Protein backbone atom coordinates (compact mmCIF):
# COMPACT_ATOMS: atom_id res chain seq x y z
CA UNK A 1 -0.16 2.92 -9.58
CA UNK A 2 -2.78 3.91 -12.08
CA UNK A 3 -3.19 5.09 -15.63
CA UNK A 4 -2.36 8.71 -16.47
CA UNK A 5 -5.21 11.16 -15.84
CA UNK A 6 -5.32 14.78 -17.11
CA UNK A 7 -5.64 16.09 -13.54
CA UNK A 8 -2.14 14.74 -12.81
CA UNK A 9 -0.78 17.63 -14.92
CA UNK A 10 -2.21 20.17 -12.49
CA UNK A 11 -0.87 18.28 -9.48
CA UNK A 12 2.65 17.96 -10.86
CA UNK A 13 2.61 21.63 -11.85
CA UNK A 14 1.68 22.52 -8.26
CA UNK A 15 4.49 20.38 -6.80
CA UNK A 16 7.05 21.75 -9.26
CA UNK A 17 6.10 25.31 -8.32
CA UNK A 18 6.45 24.47 -4.62
CA UNK A 19 9.85 22.81 -5.10
CA UNK A 20 11.12 25.68 -7.24
CA UNK A 21 9.95 28.23 -4.67
CA UNK A 22 11.05 26.41 -1.51
CA UNK A 23 14.05 24.26 -2.46
CA UNK A 24 15.62 25.40 -5.71
CA UNK A 25 18.78 27.48 -5.45
CA UNK A 26 18.98 30.51 -7.75
CA UNK A 27 21.81 28.84 -9.73
CA UNK A 28 19.81 25.61 -10.28
CA UNK A 29 18.07 24.80 -13.52
CA UNK A 30 14.25 24.49 -13.43
CA UNK A 31 12.91 21.43 -11.69
CA UNK A 32 11.83 18.61 -14.00
CA UNK A 33 8.60 16.73 -13.31
CA UNK A 34 8.30 13.05 -14.16
CA UNK A 35 5.00 11.21 -13.79
CA UNK A 36 5.35 7.44 -13.61
CA UNK A 37 2.04 5.78 -14.44
CA UNK A 38 0.74 2.28 -14.93
CA UNK A 39 -0.46 3.25 -18.41
CA UNK A 40 0.07 6.28 -20.59
CA UNK A 41 -2.23 7.33 -23.39
CA UNK A 42 0.02 9.51 -25.53
CA UNK A 43 -2.81 11.69 -26.85
CA UNK A 44 -4.32 12.38 -23.42
CA UNK A 45 -0.88 13.16 -21.95
CA UNK A 46 -0.12 15.48 -24.88
CA UNK A 47 -3.33 17.48 -24.42
CA UNK A 48 -2.96 17.61 -20.64
CA UNK A 49 0.61 18.94 -20.81
CA UNK A 50 0.43 21.02 -24.01
CA UNK A 51 0.23 24.47 -22.39
CA UNK A 52 2.39 23.73 -19.37
CA UNK A 53 5.50 25.89 -19.21
CA UNK A 54 7.47 23.62 -16.89
CA UNK A 55 9.43 20.57 -18.13
CA UNK A 56 7.21 17.55 -17.41
CA UNK A 57 7.42 14.00 -18.74
CA UNK A 58 5.05 11.05 -18.50
CA UNK A 59 6.31 7.49 -18.62
CA UNK A 60 4.82 4.06 -18.11
CA UNK A 61 6.18 2.27 -15.07
CA UNK A 62 6.52 -1.48 -14.95
CA UNK A 63 6.09 -2.94 -11.52
CA UNK A 64 7.31 -6.38 -12.55
CA UNK A 65 10.89 -5.80 -13.63
CA UNK A 66 11.71 -9.51 -13.69
CA UNK A 67 9.00 -10.18 -16.27
CA UNK A 68 10.53 -7.64 -18.65
CA UNK A 69 14.06 -9.03 -18.39
CA UNK A 70 15.46 -11.40 -21.02
CA UNK A 71 14.90 -15.07 -20.11
CA UNK A 72 18.64 -15.62 -19.56
CA UNK A 73 18.73 -13.00 -16.82
CA UNK A 74 15.45 -13.94 -15.13
CA UNK A 75 16.85 -17.20 -13.78
CA UNK A 76 19.91 -15.48 -12.28
CA UNK A 77 17.84 -13.32 -9.89
CA UNK A 78 16.70 -14.55 -6.48
CA UNK A 79 13.01 -15.15 -5.90
CA UNK A 80 10.97 -13.07 -3.45
CA UNK A 81 10.89 -16.08 -1.13
CA UNK A 82 14.70 -16.35 -1.22
CA UNK A 83 15.13 -12.65 -0.43
CA UNK A 84 12.61 -12.83 2.43
CA UNK A 85 14.33 -15.91 3.86
CA UNK A 86 17.72 -14.19 3.75
CA UNK A 87 16.39 -11.02 5.37
CA UNK A 88 14.59 -13.01 8.05
CA UNK A 89 17.81 -14.89 8.80
CA UNK A 90 19.77 -11.64 9.05
CA UNK A 91 17.17 -10.14 11.37
CA UNK A 92 17.28 -13.19 13.63
CA UNK A 93 21.08 -13.06 13.72
CA UNK A 94 21.03 -9.36 14.62
CA UNK A 95 18.53 -9.95 17.43
CA UNK A 96 20.63 -12.83 18.76
CA UNK A 97 23.75 -10.63 18.69
CA UNK A 98 21.97 -7.90 20.66
CA UNK A 99 20.81 -10.38 23.30
CA UNK A 100 24.37 -11.68 23.77
CA UNK A 101 25.85 -8.22 24.53
CA UNK A 102 26.02 -7.25 28.22
CA UNK A 103 23.47 -4.57 29.16
CA UNK A 104 26.16 -2.01 30.11
CA UNK A 105 27.89 -2.29 26.72
CA UNK A 106 24.98 -1.32 24.45
CA UNK A 107 25.55 1.73 22.29
CA UNK A 108 29.26 1.92 23.18
CA UNK A 109 31.55 1.62 20.16
C-alpha cells in the first residue's frame, strides 16, 4: 500500500493489455483497470492517465475499515483478538477430530 505514482499508469496499462489479449473473450467488453492506493493526488492521477485509451480508475483504499464505520457499528464487530481466538479454537477442534478418526477411514466419505 502506497500513494499513487505516475508509473502505476504504465503498469496497469501493461496488465490490461495482457488480460485483454490472453483472457478476454471477443464478446466481452474492454477490461477495466482499478488502482487502489493509500493516497491519491487527483492532479497527478489526472496527468498520468490523461492519454490512456483504456478505462482506468484510481481510488484511495482504507486499510482500517472499522475506523471509518459509524460509532454505533464499530462496537458490534468482533476484535482481531476475538477472531484469532475463534479461529485457533476451530483449528484445534479440527486437529482433534482428525486424530480421533481411525487411520483406514481417512479420506473416505
